[in-house]
Amino acid sequence: MRWRMPFGQCCMLSMMCKCFVRVVLLAVLAAAAISTAQTVNNMQQICGALNLSLSQDAGSAVAGNNYGCLNSQPNAHWFYGKVGSSGDILLRMVANSDIDFATWGPFNSIEDAQSRASNGSLGPPTGCSYAVASEELVTINSTGQNDIYILVITNFANVIQTVALTTSGGDGSFTCRGMAAGCPQDSSR
């Protein structure tokens, strides 16, 4: 003889399963969003046009660094660029909500940049904006080939959002050649 669950109990169990799956899915998505935070020791290289994912509740920036105009540094995400062509580099960042930034450099290597940033010894930034805006313009003047620059973007709005980062002018540029932060240097340097 087969046991059959009454229809009402089956529906209740089915709804609980769907609810459980939704909760698990939301938890996985939230964890994935949080894991996109670029830390000082896990900087993402700026290379061409990028869509950068900024998480919320990513914590504050490293204590001790000089953040210039950034009165606060919530949800700090760290990036670096290696100069391919010398000159001025202009970047445009567009997001859905308020973002801010600071830049430092030049550094001789990504290891030097990471070391200074992680131990709180970055001096005054070379560029900075704490405007209440979802669009920011980054200007890095007089760069030299192979110089390394750091860009920290803070997600002041504390919402999960994407920032479109594009080159908007200047006669200098970041290269896509090089190495990822923490990897051995390549022979093209």
N, C-alpha and C. Protein backbone atom coordinates (compact mmCIF):
# COMPACT_ATOMS: atom_id res chain seq x y z
N MET A 1 0.83 -1.17 0.00
CA MET A 1 0.00 0.00 0.00
C MET A 1 0.89 1.25 0.00
N ARG A 2 0.58 2.19 -0.86
CA ARG A 2 1.35 3.44 -0.95
C ARG A 2 0.77 4.49 -0.06
N TRP A 3 1.69 5.24 0.58
CA TRP A 3 1.25 6.34 1.43
C TRP A 3 1.15 7.59 0.58
N ARG A 4 0.09 8.32 0.72
CA ARG A 4 -0.11 9.54 -0.05
C ARG A 4 -0.29 10.71 0.91
N MET A 5 0.42 11.79 0.63
CA MET A 5 0.31 12.99 1.46
C MET A 5 -0.93 13.76 1.02
N PRO A 6 -1.72 14.20 1.96
CA PRO A 6 -2.88 15.01 1.59
C PRO A 6 -2.45 16.25 0.82
N PHE A 7 -3.27 16.69 -0.13
CA PHE A 7 -2.95 17.81 -1.01
C PHE A 7 -2.52 19.06 -0.26
N GLY A 8 -3.21 19.43 0.79
CA GLY A 8 -2.89 20.63 1.56
C GLY A 8 -1.50 20.58 2.17
N GLN A 9 -1.12 19.41 2.69
CA GLN A 9 0.20 19.27 3.30
C GLN A 9 1.29 19.33 2.22
N CYS A 10 1.02 18.77 1.06
CA CYS A 10 1.98 18.78 -0.04
C CYS A 10 2.25 20.23 -0.48
N CYS A 11 1.20 21.00 -0.63
CA CYS A 11 1.37 22.40 -1.03
C CYS A 11 2.16 23.18 0.02
N MET A 12 1.86 22.95 1.29
CA MET A 12 2.58 23.64 2.36
C MET A 12 4.06 23.28 2.30
N LEU A 13 4.38 22.02 2.10
CA LEU A 13 5.77 21.57 2.02
C LEU A 13 6.44 22.19 0.80
N SER A 14 5.74 22.24 -0.33
CA SER A 14 6.28 22.82 -1.56
C SER A 14 6.60 24.30 -1.36
N MET A 15 5.70 25.05 -0.72
CA MET A 15 5.95 26.48 -0.48
C MET A 15 7.14 26.67 0.45
N MET A 16 7.27 25.80 1.47
CA MET A 16 8.42 25.92 2.38
C MET A 16 9.70 25.63 1.63
N CYS A 17 9.70 24.67 0.73
CA CYS A 17 10.90 24.37 -0.04
C CYS A 17 11.28 25.54 -0.94
N LYS A 18 10.27 26.13 -1.60
CA LYS A 18 10.54 27.30 -2.46
C LYS A 18 11.09 28.45 -1.64
N CYS A 19 10.53 28.67 -0.49
CA CYS A 19 11.00 29.74 0.39
C CYS A 19 12.44 29.48 0.82
N PHE A 20 12.74 28.25 1.19
CA PHE A 20 14.09 27.88 1.61
C PHE A 20 15.08 28.11 0.47
N VAL A 21 14.71 27.69 -0.75
CA VAL A 21 15.60 27.88 -1.91
C VAL A 21 15.84 29.36 -2.14
N ARG A 22 14.82 30.19 -2.02
CA ARG A 22 14.99 31.64 -2.20
C ARG A 22 15.93 32.23 -1.17
N VAL A 23 15.79 31.82 0.09
CA VAL A 23 16.65 32.33 1.15
C VAL A 23 18.10 31.92 0.89
N VAL A 24 18.32 30.67 0.51
CA VAL A 24 19.68 30.20 0.22
C VAL A 24 20.25 30.96 -0.97
N LEU A 25 19.45 31.15 -2.02
CA LEU A 25 19.91 31.87 -3.20
C LEU A 25 20.29 33.31 -2.85
N LEU A 26 19.48 34.00 -2.06
CA LEU A 26 19.80 35.37 -1.64
C LEU A 26 21.08 35.41 -0.82
N ALA A 27 21.28 34.44 0.05
CA ALA A 27 22.49 34.39 0.87
C ALA A 27 23.72 34.20 -0.01
N VAL A 28 23.62 33.33 -1.02
CA VAL A 28 24.75 33.09 -1.93
C VAL A 28 25.05 34.34 -2.73
N LEU A 29 24.01 35.01 -3.24
CA LEU A 29 24.23 36.24 -4.00
C LEU A 29 24.84 37.34 -3.14
N ALA A 30 24.39 37.47 -1.91
CA ALA A 30 24.96 38.48 -1.00
C ALA A 30 26.42 38.19 -0.73
N ALA A 31 26.74 36.92 -0.50
CA ALA A 31 28.14 36.54 -0.25
C ALA A 31 28.99 36.82 -1.47
N ALA A 32 28.46 36.56 -2.66
CA ALA A 32 29.21 36.84 -3.89
C ALA A 32 29.45 38.33 -4.05
N ALA A 33 28.47 39.16 -3.73
CA ALA A 33 28.62 40.61 -3.84
C ALA A 33 29.66 41.11 -2.87
N ILE A 34 29.65 40.60 -1.65
CA ILE A 34 30.63 41.02 -0.65
C ILE A 34 32.03 40.61 -1.07
N SER A 35 32.16 39.44 -1.71
CA SER A 35 33.48 38.95 -2.08
C SER A 35 34.09 39.73 -3.23
N THR A 36 33.32 40.62 -3.91
CA THR A 36 33.87 41.39 -5.00
C THR A 36 34.71 42.57 -4.50
N ALA A 37 34.71 42.83 -3.21
CA ALA A 37 35.49 43.94 -2.68
C ALA A 37 36.96 43.71 -3.00
N GLN A 38 37.58 44.74 -3.54
CA GLN A 38 39.01 44.68 -3.87
C GLN A 38 39.78 45.25 -2.69
N THR A 39 40.49 44.38 -1.97
CA THR A 39 41.24 44.81 -0.81
C THR A 39 42.62 45.30 -1.22
N VAL A 40 43.34 45.88 -0.29
CA VAL A 40 44.70 46.36 -0.55
C VAL A 40 45.57 45.23 -1.09
N ASN A 41 45.44 44.04 -0.53
CA ASN A 41 46.28 42.92 -0.94
C ASN A 41 45.70 42.14 -2.12
N ASN A 42 44.59 42.60 -2.66
CA ASN A 42 43.94 41.93 -3.78
C ASN A 42 43.44 42.99 -4.77
N MET A 43 44.29 43.95 -5.11
CA MET A 43 43.89 45.03 -6.01
C MET A 43 43.64 44.48 -7.41
N GLN A 44 42.63 45.05 -8.08
CA GLN A 44 42.35 44.70 -9.46
C GLN A 44 43.07 45.69 -10.36
N GLN A 45 43.66 45.19 -11.44
CA GLN A 45 44.36 46.06 -12.38
C GLN A 45 43.35 46.82 -13.24
N ILE A 46 43.60 48.12 -13.42
CA ILE A 46 42.79 48.93 -14.32
C ILE A 46 43.33 48.68 -15.72
N CYS A 47 42.48 48.16 -16.58
CA CYS A 47 42.91 47.76 -17.91
C CYS A 47 41.76 47.98 -18.87
N GLY A 48 41.84 49.01 -19.69
CA GLY A 48 40.76 49.30 -20.63
C GLY A 48 39.51 49.76 -19.92
N ALA A 49 38.37 49.65 -20.59
CA ALA A 49 37.08 50.00 -19.99
C ALA A 49 36.66 48.86 -19.07
N LEU A 50 36.24 49.20 -17.87
CA LEU A 50 35.85 48.20 -16.89
C LEU A 50 34.49 48.51 -16.30
N ASN A 51 33.79 47.46 -15.92
CA ASN A 51 32.61 47.60 -15.08
C ASN A 51 32.99 47.00 -13.74
N LEU A 52 33.15 47.85 -12.76
CA LEU A 52 33.62 47.44 -11.44
C LEU A 52 32.43 47.22 -10.51
N SER A 53 32.41 46.07 -9.86
CA SER A 53 31.34 45.78 -8.91
C SER A 53 31.76 46.26 -7.53
N LEU A 54 30.94 47.13 -6.94
CA LEU A 54 31.21 47.62 -5.59
C LEU A 54 30.18 47.02 -4.65
N SER A 55 30.68 46.44 -3.57
CA SER A 55 29.78 45.85 -2.59
C SER A 55 29.42 46.88 -1.53
N GLN A 56 28.49 46.53 -0.70
CA GLN A 56 28.14 47.35 0.45
C GLN A 56 28.71 46.67 1.68
N ASP A 57 28.79 47.39 2.76
CA ASP A 57 29.30 46.86 4.03
C ASP A 57 30.66 46.19 3.87
N ALA A 58 31.53 46.78 3.03
CA ALA A 58 32.86 46.22 2.79
C ALA A 58 33.86 46.68 3.85
N GLY A 59 33.44 47.49 4.79
CA GLY A 59 34.35 47.97 5.82
C GLY A 59 35.01 49.27 5.41
N SER A 60 35.85 49.77 6.29
CA SER A 60 36.56 51.02 6.03
C SER A 60 37.93 50.75 5.45
N ALA A 61 38.55 51.79 4.96
CA ALA A 61 39.88 51.69 4.39
C ALA A 61 40.92 51.48 5.50
N VAL A 62 42.13 51.17 5.09
CA VAL A 62 43.23 50.92 6.02
C VAL A 62 43.55 52.18 6.83
N ALA A 63 43.64 52.04 8.13
CA ALA A 63 43.96 53.17 9.01
C ALA A 63 45.41 53.61 8.81
N GLY A 64 45.66 54.90 8.99
CA GLY A 64 47.01 55.44 8.93
C GLY A 64 47.35 56.12 7.61
N ASN A 65 46.71 55.70 6.53
CA ASN A 65 46.98 56.33 5.23
C ASN A 65 46.40 57.74 5.21
N ASN A 66 47.02 58.61 4.41
CA ASN A 66 46.50 59.96 4.23
C ASN A 66 45.48 59.91 3.09
N TYR A 67 44.21 60.08 3.41
CA TYR A 67 43.15 60.01 2.41
C TYR A 67 42.73 61.38 1.89
N GLY A 68 43.51 62.42 2.23
CA GLY A 68 43.25 63.74 1.69
C GLY A 68 41.84 64.22 1.96
N CYS A 69 41.10 64.53 0.91
CA CYS A 69 39.76 65.09 1.03
C CYS A 69 38.70 64.09 1.47
N LEU A 70 39.01 62.81 1.48
CA LEU A 70 38.01 61.80 1.87
C LEU A 70 37.82 61.83 3.38
N ASN A 71 36.80 62.53 3.82
CA ASN A 71 36.53 62.64 5.25
C ASN A 71 36.17 61.31 5.88
N SER A 72 35.62 60.41 5.07
CA SER A 72 35.38 59.03 5.50
C SER A 72 35.68 58.13 4.31
N GLN A 73 35.92 56.87 4.58
CA GLN A 73 36.30 55.94 3.52
C GLN A 73 35.49 54.65 3.61
N PRO A 74 34.16 54.74 3.54
CA PRO A 74 33.35 53.52 3.67
C PRO A 74 33.42 52.64 2.43
N ASN A 75 33.40 51.35 2.65
CA ASN A 75 33.33 50.39 1.54
C ASN A 75 34.43 50.64 0.51
N ALA A 76 35.68 50.70 0.96
CA ALA A 76 36.81 51.01 0.10
C ALA A 76 37.16 49.82 -0.79
N HIS A 77 37.34 50.10 -2.09
CA HIS A 77 37.73 49.10 -3.08
C HIS A 77 39.00 49.62 -3.75
N TRP A 78 40.03 48.77 -3.83
CA TRP A 78 41.35 49.19 -4.27
C TRP A 78 41.68 48.65 -5.66
N PHE A 79 42.30 49.52 -6.48
CA PHE A 79 42.68 49.18 -7.85
C PHE A 79 44.06 49.78 -8.12
N TYR A 80 44.72 49.27 -9.14
CA TYR A 80 46.00 49.86 -9.54
C TYR A 80 46.09 49.92 -11.05
N GLY A 81 46.90 50.84 -11.54
CA GLY A 81 47.16 50.95 -12.97
C GLY A 81 48.64 51.04 -13.22
N LYS A 82 49.08 50.37 -14.28
CA LYS A 82 50.48 50.44 -14.72
C LYS A 82 50.50 51.28 -15.99
N VAL A 83 51.28 52.36 -15.99
CA VAL A 83 51.31 53.29 -17.12
C VAL A 83 52.01 52.63 -18.31
N GLY A 84 51.32 52.65 -19.45
CA GLY A 84 51.88 52.12 -20.69
C GLY A 84 52.45 53.23 -21.55
N SER A 85 51.73 54.35 -21.61
CA SER A 85 52.16 55.53 -22.37
C SER A 85 52.20 56.72 -21.43
N SER A 86 53.34 57.39 -21.38
CA SER A 86 53.54 58.53 -20.50
C SER A 86 52.61 59.68 -20.87
N GLY A 87 52.26 60.48 -19.87
CA GLY A 87 51.43 61.66 -20.09
C GLY A 87 50.33 61.75 -19.07
N ASP A 88 49.36 62.61 -19.33
CA ASP A 88 48.22 62.76 -18.44
C ASP A 88 47.19 61.66 -18.72
N ILE A 89 46.62 61.10 -17.65
CA ILE A 89 45.59 60.07 -17.78
C ILE A 89 44.31 60.60 -17.16
N LEU A 90 43.23 60.58 -17.94
CA LEU A 90 41.93 61.04 -17.47
C LEU A 90 40.96 59.86 -17.50
N LEU A 91 40.34 59.61 -16.35
CA LEU A 91 39.39 58.51 -16.23
C LEU A 91 38.03 59.06 -15.82
N ARG A 92 36.98 58.44 -16.33
CA ARG A 92 35.61 58.82 -15.96
C ARG A 92 34.96 57.61 -15.28
N MET A 93 34.36 57.86 -14.12
CA MET A 93 33.65 56.81 -13.39
C MET A 93 32.19 57.21 -13.28
N VAL A 94 31.30 56.31 -13.66
CA VAL A 94 29.86 56.57 -13.58
C VAL A 94 29.21 55.42 -12.82
N ALA A 95 28.44 55.76 -11.80
CA ALA A 95 27.74 54.78 -10.97
C ALA A 95 26.27 55.19 -10.84
N ASN A 96 25.50 54.38 -10.13
CA ASN A 96 24.10 54.72 -9.89
C ASN A 96 23.94 55.63 -8.68
N SER A 97 24.88 55.55 -7.74
CA SER A 97 24.78 56.31 -6.49
C SER A 97 26.15 56.90 -6.15
N ASP A 98 26.21 57.63 -5.05
CA ASP A 98 27.39 58.38 -4.63
C ASP A 98 28.63 57.50 -4.46
N ILE A 99 29.70 57.89 -5.15
CA ILE A 99 31.02 57.28 -5.00
C ILE A 99 32.03 58.40 -4.81
N ASP A 100 33.18 58.08 -4.25
CA ASP A 100 34.27 59.03 -4.07
C ASP A 100 35.57 58.30 -4.40
N PHE A 101 36.68 59.04 -4.51
CA PHE A 101 37.94 58.37 -4.86
C PHE A 101 39.15 59.15 -4.34
N ALA A 102 40.27 58.44 -4.33
CA ALA A 102 41.58 59.06 -4.12
C ALA A 102 42.59 58.25 -4.95
N THR A 103 43.66 58.93 -5.39
CA THR A 103 44.73 58.27 -6.14
C THR A 103 46.07 58.59 -5.49
N TRP A 104 47.02 57.66 -5.62
CA TRP A 104 48.38 57.85 -5.13
C TRP A 104 49.35 57.34 -6.18
N GLY A 105 50.53 57.90 -6.17
CA GLY A 105 51.58 57.43 -7.06
C GLY A 105 52.52 58.57 -7.39
N PRO A 106 53.55 58.30 -8.15
CA PRO A 106 53.86 57.00 -8.74
C PRO A 106 54.63 56.09 -7.77
N PHE A 107 54.49 54.79 -8.02
CA PHE A 107 55.25 53.77 -7.31
C PHE A 107 56.07 53.01 -8.35
N ASN A 108 57.18 52.42 -7.89
CA ASN A 108 58.04 51.66 -8.80
C ASN A 108 57.50 50.26 -9.09
N SER A 109 56.69 49.72 -8.17
CA SER A 109 56.17 48.37 -8.35
C SER A 109 54.84 48.23 -7.61
N ILE A 110 54.06 47.24 -8.02
CA ILE A 110 52.81 46.97 -7.33
C ILE A 110 53.08 46.51 -5.91
N GLU A 111 54.18 45.80 -5.70
CA GLU A 111 54.52 45.34 -4.35
C GLU A 111 54.78 46.52 -3.42
N ASP A 112 55.48 47.54 -3.92
CA ASP A 112 55.75 48.74 -3.13
C ASP A 112 54.43 49.46 -2.80
N ALA A 113 53.56 49.59 -3.80
CA ALA A 113 52.27 50.26 -3.60
C ALA A 113 51.43 49.51 -2.57
N GLN A 114 51.35 48.19 -2.70
CA GLN A 114 50.57 47.39 -1.76
C GLN A 114 51.14 47.46 -0.35
N SER A 115 52.45 47.41 -0.25
CA SER A 115 53.09 47.46 1.06
C SER A 115 52.77 48.76 1.77
N ARG A 116 52.92 49.88 1.08
CA ARG A 116 52.64 51.18 1.70
C ARG A 116 51.17 51.32 2.08
N ALA A 117 50.28 50.87 1.19
CA ALA A 117 48.85 50.98 1.47
C ALA A 117 48.44 50.08 2.62
N SER A 118 48.98 48.87 2.68
CA SER A 118 48.55 47.93 3.72
C SER A 118 49.12 48.26 5.09
N ASN A 119 50.29 48.93 5.13
CA ASN A 119 50.83 49.28 6.45
C ASN A 119 50.49 50.70 6.87
N GLY A 120 49.61 51.37 6.10
CA GLY A 120 49.12 52.68 6.49
C GLY A 120 50.10 53.81 6.29
N SER A 121 51.00 53.70 5.31
CA SER A 121 52.00 54.75 5.13
C SER A 121 51.87 55.51 3.81
N LEU A 122 50.67 55.51 3.21
CA LEU A 122 50.48 56.32 2.01
C LEU A 122 50.45 57.79 2.39
N GLY A 123 51.22 58.61 1.67
CA GLY A 123 51.23 60.04 1.91
C GLY A 123 50.01 60.70 1.28
N PRO A 124 50.04 62.02 1.14
CA PRO A 124 48.89 62.74 0.55
C PRO A 124 48.59 62.21 -0.85
N PRO A 125 47.30 62.07 -1.18
CA PRO A 125 46.95 61.57 -2.51
C PRO A 125 47.29 62.57 -3.60
N THR A 126 47.51 62.06 -4.81
CA THR A 126 47.77 62.91 -5.97
C THR A 126 46.46 63.43 -6.57
N GLY A 127 45.35 62.79 -6.23
CA GLY A 127 44.03 63.22 -6.67
C GLY A 127 42.98 62.75 -5.69
N CYS A 128 41.87 63.48 -5.60
CA CYS A 128 40.87 63.15 -4.58
C CYS A 128 39.57 63.86 -4.90
N SER A 129 38.43 63.19 -4.62
CA SER A 129 37.12 63.84 -4.71
C SER A 129 36.19 63.24 -3.68
N TYR A 130 35.51 64.12 -2.94
CA TYR A 130 34.53 63.74 -1.93
C TYR A 130 33.19 64.41 -2.26
N ALA A 131 32.94 64.59 -3.55
CA ALA A 131 31.71 65.25 -4.01
C ALA A 131 30.51 64.32 -3.83
N VAL A 132 29.35 64.90 -3.61
CA VAL A 132 28.12 64.12 -3.55
C VAL A 132 27.69 63.90 -4.99
N ALA A 133 28.24 62.83 -5.61
CA ALA A 133 27.99 62.62 -7.03
C ALA A 133 28.12 61.14 -7.38
N SER A 134 27.42 60.75 -8.43
CA SER A 134 27.54 59.38 -8.93
C SER A 134 28.47 59.33 -10.14
N GLU A 135 29.00 60.48 -10.52
CA GLU A 135 29.98 60.54 -11.61
C GLU A 135 31.21 61.29 -11.11
N GLU A 136 32.38 60.71 -11.34
CA GLU A 136 33.63 61.33 -10.91
C GLU A 136 34.62 61.33 -12.07
N LEU A 137 35.45 62.36 -12.13
CA LEU A 137 36.52 62.45 -13.12
C LEU A 137 37.86 62.38 -12.38
N VAL A 138 38.69 61.45 -12.79
CA VAL A 138 39.99 61.22 -12.17
C VAL A 138 41.06 61.75 -13.12
N THR A 139 41.92 62.62 -12.63
CA THR A 139 43.03 63.15 -13.44
C THR A 139 44.34 62.78 -12.78
N ILE A 140 45.20 62.10 -13.52
CA ILE A 140 46.54 61.76 -13.05
C ILE A 140 47.51 62.41 -14.02
N ASN A 141 48.21 63.45 -13.56
CA ASN A 141 49.07 64.25 -14.43
C ASN A 141 50.50 63.74 -14.49
N SER A 142 51.12 63.96 -15.65
CA SER A 142 52.55 63.75 -15.87
C SER A 142 53.04 62.36 -15.45
N THR A 143 52.38 61.33 -15.93
CA THR A 143 52.81 59.97 -15.60
C THR A 143 54.00 59.56 -16.44
N GLY A 144 54.79 58.62 -15.92
CA GLY A 144 55.92 58.06 -16.64
C GLY A 144 55.67 56.59 -16.96
N GLN A 145 56.23 56.13 -18.06
CA GLN A 145 56.02 54.74 -18.47
C GLN A 145 56.43 53.78 -17.36
N ASN A 146 55.59 52.78 -17.11
CA ASN A 146 55.75 51.73 -16.09
C ASN A 146 55.50 52.19 -14.66
N ASP A 147 55.17 53.48 -14.47
CA ASP A 147 54.78 53.93 -13.13
C ASP A 147 53.52 53.18 -12.71
N ILE A 148 53.37 52.98 -11.40
CA ILE A 148 52.19 52.34 -10.83
C ILE A 148 51.43 53.39 -10.04
N TYR A 149 50.10 53.44 -10.24
CA TYR A 149 49.23 54.34 -9.48
C TYR A 149 48.15 53.51 -8.80
N ILE A 150 47.74 53.96 -7.63
CA ILE A 150 46.66 53.31 -6.88
C ILE A 150 45.43 54.18 -6.98
N LEU A 151 44.27 53.53 -7.15
CA LEU A 151 42.97 54.20 -7.12
C LEU A 151 42.13 53.49 -6.08
N VAL A 152 41.63 54.24 -5.10
CA VAL A 152 40.66 53.68 -4.16
C VAL A 152 39.32 54.35 -4.44
N ILE A 153 38.29 53.53 -4.61
CA ILE A 153 36.93 54.03 -4.82
C ILE A 153 36.14 53.66 -3.58
N THR A 154 35.49 54.66 -3.00
CA THR A 154 34.65 54.37 -1.84
C THR A 154 33.19 54.42 -2.26
N ASN A 155 32.44 53.49 -1.75
CA ASN A 155 31.01 53.37 -2.05
C ASN A 155 30.24 54.06 -0.93
N PHE A 156 30.23 55.38 -0.97
CA PHE A 156 29.62 56.17 0.10
C PHE A 156 28.13 55.87 0.25
N ALA A 157 27.47 55.52 -0.85
CA ALA A 157 26.03 55.25 -0.82
C ALA A 157 25.70 53.95 -0.07
N ASN A 158 26.69 53.09 0.12
CA ASN A 158 26.51 51.82 0.82
C ASN A 158 25.42 50.96 0.17
N VAL A 159 25.45 50.89 -1.17
CA VAL A 159 24.55 50.02 -1.92
C VAL A 159 25.39 49.20 -2.89
N ILE A 160 24.90 48.02 -3.24
CA ILE A 160 25.58 47.24 -4.25
C ILE A 160 25.38 47.96 -5.58
N GLN A 161 26.48 48.27 -6.28
CA GLN A 161 26.38 48.99 -7.53
C GLN A 161 27.56 48.70 -8.43
N THR A 162 27.39 49.02 -9.70
CA THR A 162 28.44 48.86 -10.69
C THR A 162 28.95 50.24 -11.08
N VAL A 163 30.26 50.36 -11.20
CA VAL A 163 30.87 51.61 -11.65
C VAL A 163 31.49 51.35 -13.02
N ALA A 164 31.07 52.13 -14.01
CA ALA A 164 31.68 52.05 -15.34
C ALA A 164 32.90 52.97 -15.34
N LEU A 165 34.07 52.40 -15.57
CA LEU A 165 35.33 53.15 -15.58
C LEU A 165 35.85 53.16 -17.00
N THR A 166 36.01 54.35 -17.57
CA THR A 166 36.51 54.49 -18.93
C THR A 166 37.57 55.57 -19.00
N THR A 167 38.43 55.47 -20.01
CA THR A 167 39.41 56.52 -20.28
C THR A 167 38.67 57.65 -20.98
N SER A 168 38.86 58.88 -20.48
CA SER A 168 38.11 60.00 -21.06
C SER A 168 39.00 61.05 -21.70
N GLY A 169 40.28 60.76 -21.84
CA GLY A 169 41.15 61.73 -22.50
C GLY A 169 42.57 61.66 -21.95
N GLY A 170 43.35 62.63 -22.34
CA GLY A 170 44.75 62.67 -21.94
C GLY A 170 45.62 61.97 -22.97
N ASP A 171 46.93 62.25 -22.90
CA ASP A 171 47.84 61.63 -23.85
C ASP A 171 48.57 60.43 -23.25
N GLY A 172 48.28 60.10 -22.00
CA GLY A 172 48.86 58.92 -21.37
C GLY A 172 47.81 57.82 -21.25
N SER A 173 48.25 56.63 -20.88
CA SER A 173 47.30 55.53 -20.72
C SER A 173 47.88 54.45 -19.83
N PHE A 174 46.96 53.68 -19.22
CA PHE A 174 47.36 52.49 -18.49
C PHE A 174 47.46 51.35 -19.50
N THR A 175 48.35 50.42 -19.23
CA THR A 175 48.53 49.27 -20.09
C THR A 175 47.80 48.06 -19.52
N CYS A 176 47.46 47.16 -20.41
CA CYS A 176 46.88 45.89 -19.97
C CYS A 176 47.97 44.85 -19.81
N ARG A 177 49.16 45.18 -20.22
CA ARG A 177 50.30 44.27 -20.03
C ARG A 177 50.79 44.43 -18.62
N GLY A 178 51.39 43.44 -18.11
CA GLY A 178 51.90 43.51 -16.75
C GLY A 178 51.43 42.31 -15.98
N MET A 179 51.36 42.47 -14.69
CA MET A 179 50.99 41.33 -13.87
C MET A 179 49.88 41.72 -12.93
N ALA A 180 49.16 40.71 -12.50
CA ALA A 180 48.13 40.94 -11.50
C ALA A 180 48.83 41.15 -10.16
N ALA A 181 48.18 41.91 -9.29
CA ALA A 181 48.75 42.17 -7.96
C ALA A 181 49.08 40.86 -7.26
N GLY A 182 50.27 40.77 -6.73
CA GLY A 182 50.69 39.59 -5.98
C GLY A 182 51.32 38.53 -6.86
N CYS A 183 51.38 38.73 -8.19
CA CYS A 183 51.98 37.74 -9.09
C CYS A 183 53.39 38.15 -9.43
N PRO A 184 54.24 37.21 -9.84
CA PRO A 184 55.61 37.57 -10.24
C PRO A 184 55.59 38.55 -11.40
N GLN A 185 56.60 39.39 -11.46
CA GLN A 185 56.67 40.37 -12.53
C GLN A 185 56.95 39.67 -13.84
N ASP A 186 56.39 40.24 -14.94
CA ASP A 186 56.65 39.64 -16.25
C ASP A 186 57.87 40.28 -16.88
N SER A 187 58.31 39.71 -17.99
CA SER A 187 59.55 40.18 -18.62
C SER A 187 59.36 41.42 -19.47
N SER A 188 58.10 41.89 -19.64
CA SER A 188 57.88 43.07 -20.48
C SER A 188 58.10 44.37 -19.73
N ARG A 189 58.41 44.31 -18.45
CA ARG A 189 58.59 45.53 -17.65
C ARG A 189 59.89 46.17 -17.91
